PDB file of N, CA and C in Angstrom:
ATOM      1  N   UNK A   1      80.252 103.120 119.701  1.00  0.00           N
ATOM      2  CA  UNK A   1      80.131 103.672 118.374  1.00  0.00           C
ATOM      3  C   UNK A   1      80.159 103.325 117.123  1.00  0.00           C
ATOM      4  N   UNK A   2      79.020 103.293 116.320  1.00  0.00           N
ATOM      5  CA  UNK A   2      78.756 102.650 115.065  1.00  0.00           C
ATOM      6  C   UNK A   2      79.334 103.288 114.104  1.00  0.00           C
ATOM      7  N   UNK A   3      79.887 102.607 112.913  1.00  0.00           N
ATOM      8  CA  UNK A   3      80.420 103.218 111.893  1.00  0.00           C
ATOM      9  C   UNK A   3      79.760 103.493 110.695  1.00  0.00           C
ATOM     10  N   UNK A   4      79.364 104.609 110.449  1.00  0.00           N
ATOM     11  CA  UNK A   4      78.632 105.140 109.319  1.00  0.00           C
ATOM     12  C   UNK A   4      78.520 104.121 108.142  1.00  0.00           C
ATOM     13  N   UNK A   5      77.393 103.460 107.660  1.00  0.00           N
ATOM     14  CA  UNK A   5      77.238 102.508 106.535  1.00  0.00           C
ATOM     15  C   UNK A   5      76.547 103.470 105.398  1.00  0.00           C
ATOM     16  N   UNK A   6      77.437 103.492 104.254  1.00  0.00           N
ATOM     17  CA  UNK A   6      76.802 104.304 103.171  1.00  0.00           C
ATOM     18  C   UNK A   6      76.157 103.884 102.370  1.00  0.00           C
ATOM     19  N   UNK A   7      75.473 104.605 101.767  1.00  0.00           N
ATOM     20  CA  UNK A   7      74.049 104.353 100.939  1.00  0.00           C
ATOM     21  C   UNK A   7      74.418 103.906  99.552  1.00  0.00           C
ATOM     22  N   UNK A   8      73.742 103.030  98.824  1.00  0.00           N
ATOM     23  CA  UNK A   8      74.009 102.772  97.499  1.00  0.00           C
ATOM     24  C   UNK A   8      74.176 103.955  96.636  1.00  0.00           C
ATOM     25  N   UNK A   9      75.771 104.030  95.756  1.00  0.00           N
ATOM     26  CA  UNK A   9      76.271 105.199  95.248  1.00  0.00           C
ATOM     27  C   UNK A   9      76.874 105.857  96.049  1.00  0.00           C
ATOM     28  N   UNK A  10      76.922 106.087  97.352  1.00  0.00           N
ATOM     29  CA  UNK A  10      77.625 106.934  98.365  1.00  0.00           C
ATOM     30  C   UNK A  10      79.219 106.545  98.492  1.00  0.00           C
ATOM     31  N   UNK A  11      80.352 107.271  98.170  1.00  0.00           N
ATOM     32  CA  UNK A  11      81.175 106.905  98.482  1.00  0.00           C
ATOM     33  C   UNK A  11      81.674 107.213  99.963  1.00  0.00           C
ATOM     34  N   UNK A  12      82.544 106.089 100.405  1.00  0.00           N
ATOM     35  CA  UNK A  12      83.069 105.997 102.321  1.00  0.00           C
ATOM     36  C   UNK A  12      84.188 106.766 102.358  1.00  0.00           C
ATOM     37  N   UNK A  13      84.637 107.828 103.200  1.00  0.00           N
ATOM     38  CA  UNK A  13      85.445 108.375 103.362  1.00  0.00           C
ATOM     39  C   UNK A  13      86.702 107.611 104.020  1.00  0.00           C
ATOM     40  N   UNK A  14      87.920 107.706 104.099  1.00  0.00           N
ATOM     41  CA  UNK A  14      88.628 107.044 105.212  1.00  0.00           C
ATOM     42  C   UNK A  14      88.568 107.747 106.085  1.00  0.00           C
ATOM     43  N   UNK A  15      88.934 107.175 107.268  1.00  0.00           N
ATOM     44  CA  UNK A  15      89.184 107.407 108.672  1.00  0.00           C
ATOM     45  C   UNK A  15      90.037 108.399 109.118  1.00  0.00           C
ATOM     46  N   UNK A  16      90.154 109.117 109.737  1.00  0.00           N
ATOM     47  CA  UNK A  16      90.974 110.163 110.259  1.00  0.00           C
ATOM     48  C   UNK A  16      92.612 109.476 110.208  1.00  0.00           C
ATOM     49  N   UNK A  17      93.615 109.429 109.960  1.00  0.00           N
ATOM     50  CA  UNK A  17      94.888 109.348 109.992  1.00  0.00           C
ATOM     51  C   UNK A  17      95.136 108.878 111.672  1.00  0.00           C
ATOM     52  N   UNK A  18      94.999 109.366 112.306  1.00  0.00           N
ATOM     53  CA  UNK A  18      95.250 109.342 113.623  1.00  0.00           C
ATOM     54  C   UNK A  18      94.228 108.308 114.378  1.00  0.00           C
ATOM     55  N   UNK A  19      93.352 107.742 113.700  1.00  0.00           N
ATOM     56  CA  UNK A  19      92.486 106.609 113.884  1.00  0.00           C
ATOM     57  C   UNK A  19      92.925 105.239 113.675  1.00  0.00           C
ATOM     58  N   UNK A  20      94.205 105.577 112.946  1.00  0.00           N
ATOM     59  CA  UNK A  20      94.605 104.023 112.301  1.00  0.00           C
ATOM     60  C   UNK A  20      95.790 103.508 112.932  1.00  0.00           C
ATOM     61  N   UNK A  21      95.753 102.350 112.743  1.00  0.00           N
ATOM     62  CA  UNK A  21      96.803 101.243 113.130  1.00  0.00           C
ATOM     63  C   UNK A  21      97.981 101.388 112.360  1.00  0.00           C
ATOM     64  N   UNK A  22      99.232 101.195 112.801  1.00  0.00           N
ATOM     65  CA  UNK A  22     100.515 101.012 111.714  1.00  0.00           C
ATOM     66  C   UNK A  22     100.201 100.471 110.392  1.00  0.00           C
ATOM     67  N   UNK A  23      99.711  98.915 110.542  1.00  0.00           N
ATOM     68  CA  UNK A  23      99.579  98.026 109.603  1.00  0.00           C
ATOM     69  C   UNK A  23      98.503  98.838 108.667  1.00  0.00           C
ATOM     70  N   UNK A  24      97.403  99.756 109.350  1.00  0.00           N
ATOM     71  CA  UNK A  24      96.542 100.308 108.066  1.00  0.00           C
ATOM     72  C   UNK A  24      97.398 101.192 107.525  1.00  0.00           C
ATOM     73  N   UNK A  25      98.165 102.275 108.146  1.00  0.00           N
ATOM     74  CA  UNK A  25      98.659 103.275 107.481  1.00  0.00           C
ATOM     75  C   UNK A  25      99.913 102.700 106.472  1.00  0.00           C
ATOM     76  N   UNK A  26     100.302 101.551 106.833  1.00  0.00           N
ATOM     77  CA  UNK A  26     101.601 101.105 105.804  1.00  0.00           C
ATOM     78  C   UNK A  26     100.717 100.399 104.599  1.00  0.00           C
ATOM     79  N   UNK A  27      99.276 100.354 104.302  1.00  0.00           N
ATOM     80  CA  UNK A  27      98.617  99.816 103.290  1.00  0.00           C
ATOM     81  C   UNK A  27      98.825  97.919 103.506  1.00  0.00           C
ATOM     82  N   UNK A  28      99.000  97.450 105.021  1.00  0.00           N
ATOM     83  CA  UNK A  28      98.964  96.078 105.194  1.00  0.00           C
ATOM     84  C   UNK A  28      97.654  95.648 105.353  1.00  0.00           C
ATOM     85  N   UNK A  29      96.964  96.320 106.009  1.00  0.00           N
ATOM     86  CA  UNK A  29      95.476  96.345 106.657  1.00  0.00           C
ATOM     87  C   UNK A  29      94.438  97.302 105.861  1.00  0.00           C
ATOM     88  N   UNK A  30      93.238  96.932 105.931  1.00  0.00           N
ATOM     89  CA  UNK A  30      92.049  97.485 105.348  1.00  0.00           C
ATOM     90  C   UNK A  30      92.090  98.820 106.347  1.00  0.00           C
ATOM     91  N   UNK A  31      91.699  99.813 105.937  1.00  0.00           N
ATOM     92  CA  UNK A  31      91.602 101.261 106.504  1.00  0.00           C
ATOM     93  C   UNK A  31      90.124 101.134 107.374  1.00  0.00           C
ATOM     94  N   UNK A  32      89.439 100.262 107.026  1.00  0.00           N
ATOM     95  CA  UNK A  32      87.929 100.433 107.285  1.00  0.00           C
ATOM     96  C   UNK A  32      87.516  99.001 108.386  1.00  0.00           C
ATOM     97  N   UNK A  33      87.960  97.959 108.197  1.00  0.00           N
ATOM     98  CA  UNK A  33      87.936  96.766 109.018  1.00  0.00           C
ATOM     99  C   UNK A  33      88.975  96.242 109.614  1.00  0.00           C
ATOM    100  N   UNK A  34      90.225  96.509 109.064  1.00  0.00           N
ATOM    101  CA  UNK A  34      91.708  96.350 109.962  1.00  0.00           C
ATOM    102  C   UNK A  34      91.957  94.825 109.455  1.00  0.00           C
ATOM    103  N   UNK A  35      91.112  94.338 108.230  1.00  0.00           N
ATOM    104  CA  UNK A  35      91.673  92.861 107.848  1.00  0.00           C
ATOM    105  C   UNK A  35      92.955  92.990 106.860  1.00  0.00           C
ATOM    106  N   UNK A  36      93.810  91.903 107.207  1.00  0.00           N
ATOM    107  CA  UNK A  36      94.988  91.992 106.420  1.00  0.00           C
ATOM    108  C   UNK A  36      94.645  91.801 105.067  1.00  0.00           C
ATOM    109  N   UNK A  37      95.311  92.528 104.422  1.00  0.00           N
ATOM    110  CA  UNK A  37      95.208  92.712 102.827  1.00  0.00           C
ATOM    111  C   UNK A  37      96.318  91.880 102.243  1.00  0.00           C
ATOM    112  N   UNK A  38      96.045  90.902 101.464  1.00  0.00           N
ATOM    113  CA  UNK A  38      97.107  90.105 100.618  1.00  0.00           C
ATOM    114  C   UNK A  38      96.996  90.523  99.333  1.00  0.00           C
ATOM    115  N   UNK A  39      95.630  90.363  98.755  1.00  0.00           N
ATOM    116  CA  UNK A  39      95.637  90.372  97.082  1.00  0.00           C
ATOM    117  C   UNK A  39      94.268  91.343  96.851  1.00  0.00           C
ATOM    118  N   UNK A  40      94.038  91.978  96.292  1.00  0.00           N
ATOM    119  CA  UNK A  40      92.805  92.477  95.617  1.00  0.00           C
ATOM    120  C   UNK A  40      92.800  93.849  96.419  1.00  0.00           C
ATOM    121  N   UNK A  41      93.717  94.604  97.128  1.00  0.00           N
ATOM    122  CA  UNK A  41      93.481  96.039  97.799  1.00  0.00           C
ATOM    123  C   UNK A  41      93.060  97.035  96.645  1.00  0.00           C
ATOM    124  N   UNK A  42      92.396  97.671  97.055  1.00  0.00           N
ATOM    125  CA  UNK A  42      91.948  98.975  96.117  1.00  0.00           C
ATOM    126  C   UNK A  42      92.476 100.368  97.080  1.00  0.00           C
ATOM    127  N   UNK A  43      92.394 101.168  96.413  1.00  0.00           N
ATOM    128  CA  UNK A  43      93.068 102.550  96.850  1.00  0.00           C
ATOM    129  C   UNK A  43      91.615 103.201  97.751  1.00  0.00           C
ATOM    130  N   UNK A  44      91.675 103.707  99.023  1.00  0.00           N
ATOM    131  CA  UNK A  44      90.439 104.053  99.392  1.00  0.00           C
ATOM    132  C   UNK A  44      90.499 105.728  99.950  1.00  0.00           C
ATOM    133  N   UNK A  45      91.715 106.270  99.198  1.00  0.00           N
ATOM    134  CA  UNK A  45      91.596 107.584  99.303  1.00  0.00           C
ATOM    135  C   UNK A  45      92.816 108.242 100.066  1.00  0.00           C
ATOM    136  N   UNK A  46      92.719 109.139 100.640  1.00  0.00           N
ATOM    137  CA  UNK A  46      93.893 109.712 101.655  1.00  0.00           C
ATOM    138  C   UNK A  46      93.227 109.912 103.064  1.00  0.00           C
ATOM    139  N   UNK A  47      93.849 109.421 104.133  1.00  0.00           N
ATOM    140  CA  UNK A  47      93.467 109.122 105.379  1.00  0.00           C
ATOM    141  C   UNK A  47      94.328 111.037 105.792  1.00  0.00           C
ATOM    142  N   UNK A  48      93.551 111.845 106.267  1.00  0.00           N
ATOM    143  CA  UNK A  48      94.184 113.201 106.593  1.00  0.00           C
ATOM    144  C   UNK A  48      94.211 113.212 108.230  1.00  0.00           C
ATOM    145  N   UNK A  49      94.856 114.070 108.395  1.00  0.00           N
ATOM    146  CA  UNK A  49      95.579 114.294 109.901  1.00  0.00           C
ATOM    147  C   UNK A  49      96.782 115.219 109.975  1.00  0.00           C
ATOM    148  N   UNK A  50      96.825 115.872 111.013  1.00  0.00           N
ATOM    149  CA  UNK A  50      97.835 116.906 111.712  1.00  0.00           C
ATOM    150  C   UNK A  50      98.546 116.782 112.888  1.00  0.00           C
ATOM    151  N   UNK A  51      99.355 117.056 113.234  1.00  0.00           N
ATOM    152  CA  UNK A  51     100.284 117.230 114.534  1.00  0.00           C
ATOM    153  C   UNK A  51     100.883 118.369 114.451  1.00  0.00           C
ATOM    154  N   UNK A  52     100.102 119.660 114.680  1.00  0.00           N
ATOM    155  CA  UNK A  52     100.758 120.776 114.558  1.00  0.00           C
ATOM    156  C   UNK A  52     101.166 121.184 113.208  1.00  0.00           C
ATOM    157  N   UNK A  53     102.218 121.569 113.192  1.00  0.00           N
ATOM    158  CA  UNK A  53     102.499 121.948 111.645  1.00  0.00           C
ATOM    159  C   UNK A  53     102.932 120.919 110.680  1.00  0.00           C
ATOM    160  N   UNK A  54     102.916 119.754 111.370  1.00  0.00           N
ATOM    161  CA  UNK A  54     103.435 118.549 110.544  1.00  0.00           C
ATOM    162  C   UNK A  54     102.030 117.828 109.777  1.00  0.00           C
ATOM    163  N   UNK A  55     102.040 117.567 108.669  1.00  0.00           N
ATOM    164  CA  UNK A  55     100.609 116.890 107.940  1.00  0.00           C
ATOM    165  C   UNK A  55     101.093 115.621 107.940  1.00  0.00           C
ATOM    166  N   UNK A  56     100.100 114.772 108.466  1.00  0.00           N
ATOM    167  CA  UNK A  56     100.263 113.241 108.488  1.00  0.00           C
ATOM    168  C   UNK A  56      99.366 112.566 107.437  1.00  0.00           C
ATOM    169  N   UNK A  57      98.978 112.949 106.398  1.00  0.00           N
ATOM    170  CA  UNK A  57      98.294 112.390 105.290  1.00  0.00           C
ATOM    171  C   UNK A  57      99.120 111.148 104.665  1.00  0.00           C
ATOM    172  N   UNK A  58      98.110 110.082 104.608  1.00  0.00           N
ATOM    173  CA  UNK A  58      98.653 109.084 103.785  1.00  0.00           C
ATOM    174  C   UNK A  58      97.619 108.054 102.914  1.00  0.00           C
ATOM    175  N   UNK A  59      97.894 107.623 101.989  1.00  0.00           N
ATOM    176  CA  UNK A  59      96.949 106.856 100.816  1.00  0.00           C
ATOM    177  C   UNK A  59      96.739 105.804 101.836  1.00  0.00           C
ATOM    178  N   UNK A  60      95.629 105.108 101.841  1.00  0.00           N
ATOM    179  CA  UNK A  60      94.959 104.091 102.636  1.00  0.00           C
ATOM    180  C   UNK A  60      94.259 103.144 101.711  1.00  0.00           C
ATOM    181  N   UNK A  61      94.492 102.207 101.814  1.00  0.00           N
ATOM    182  CA  UNK A  61      93.600 100.760 100.883  1.00  0.00           C
ATOM    183  C   UNK A  61      92.591 100.194 101.847  1.00  0.00           C
ATOM    184  N   UNK A  62      91.839  99.709 100.809  1.00  0.00           N
ATOM    185  CA  UNK A  62      90.489  98.918 101.664  1.00  0.00           C
ATOM    186  C   UNK A  62      90.618  97.445 100.803  1.00  0.00           C
ATOM    187  N   UNK A  63      90.094  96.429 101.837  1.00  0.00           N
ATOM    188  CA  UNK A  63      90.071  95.024 101.096  1.00  0.00           C
ATOM    189  C   UNK A  63      89.023  94.803 100.274  1.00  0.00           C
ATOM    190  N   UNK A  64      89.127  93.708  99.561  1.00  0.00           N
ATOM    191  CA  UNK A  64      87.962  93.422  98.439  1.00  0.00           C
ATOM    192  C   UNK A  64      86.634  93.373  99.358  1.00  0.00           C
ATOM    193  N   UNK A  65      86.427  93.161 100.382  1.00  0.00           N
ATOM    194  CA  UNK A  65      85.223  92.960 100.799  1.00  0.00           C
ATOM    195  C   UNK A  65      84.388  94.458 101.234  1.00  0.00           C
ATOM    196  N   UNK A  66      85.426  95.385 101.387  1.00  0.00           N
ATOM    197  CA  UNK A  66      84.876  96.723 101.580  1.00  0.00           C
ATOM    198  C   UNK A  66      85.065  97.324 100.176  1.00  0.00           C
ATOM    199  N   UNK A  67      85.570  97.133  99.479  1.00  0.00           N
ATOM    200  CA  UNK A  67      86.057  97.903  98.156  1.00  0.00           C
ATOM    201  C   UNK A  67      84.727  98.504  97.510  1.00  0.00           C
ATOM    202  N   UNK A  68      83.644  97.754  97.579  1.00  0.00           N
ATOM    203  CA  UNK A  68      82.367  98.100  97.167  1.00  0.00           C
ATOM    204  C   UNK A  68      81.946  99.706  97.449  1.00  0.00           C
ATOM    205  N   UNK A  69      82.352  99.922  98.614  1.00  0.00           N
ATOM    206  CA  UNK A  69      81.809 101.097  99.343  1.00  0.00           C
ATOM    207  C   UNK A  69      83.037 102.133  99.639  1.00  0.00           C
ATOM    208  N   UNK A  70      84.147 101.618  99.127  1.00  0.00           N
ATOM    209  CA  UNK A  70      85.439 102.765  98.935  1.00  0.00           C
ATOM    210  C   UNK A  70      85.553 103.407  98.014  1.00  0.00           C
ATOM    211  N   UNK A  71      86.334 104.589  97.995  1.00  0.00           N
ATOM    212  CA  UNK A  71      86.179 105.450  97.033  1.00  0.00           C
ATOM    213  C   UNK A  71      87.305 104.622  95.694  1.00  0.00           C
ATOM    214  N   UNK A  72      86.844 104.941  94.722  1.00  0.00           N
ATOM    215  CA  UNK A  72      87.419 103.997  93.681  1.00  0.00           C
ATOM    216  C   UNK A  72      88.834 104.564  93.471  1.00  0.00           C
ATOM    217  N   UNK A  73      89.647 103.510  92.929  1.00  0.00           N
ATOM    218  CA  UNK A  73      90.859 103.788  92.943  1.00  0.00           C
ATOM    219  C   UNK A  73      91.713 102.906  92.302  1.00  0.00           C
ATOM    220  N   UNK A  74      93.089 102.733  92.072  1.00  0.00           N
ATOM    221  CA  UNK A  74      93.911 101.599  91.584  1.00  0.00           C
ATOM    222  C   UNK A  74      93.939 100.500  92.282  1.00  0.00           C
ATOM    223  N   UNK A  75      93.706  99.201  91.564  1.00  0.00           N
ATOM    224  CA  UNK A  75      94.269  98.117  92.305  1.00  0.00           C
ATOM    225  C   UNK A  75      95.699  97.795  92.958  1.00  0.00           C
ATOM    226  N   UNK A  76      95.841  97.524  94.066  1.00  0.00           N
ATOM    227  CA  UNK A  76      97.372  97.010  94.255  1.00  0.00           C
ATOM    228  C   UNK A  76      97.728  95.850  94.361  1.00  0.00           C
TER     229      UNK A  76
END
């Protein structure tokens, strides 16, 4: 399966929380490419998910390489 590549001006939505690794959920890795983030991370939005009645939503971050297509947010 190939990831959707956004067009210029289109913002990329984070993947569902169930598709993320622990490091991606914790903000240690880019939610799009999985690369470790040490500096320059930018908020990519909220990865959404549910498990029954439990809401699993978590804020995720993008690396500097992916931030151009990520949803704008505060630098971390």
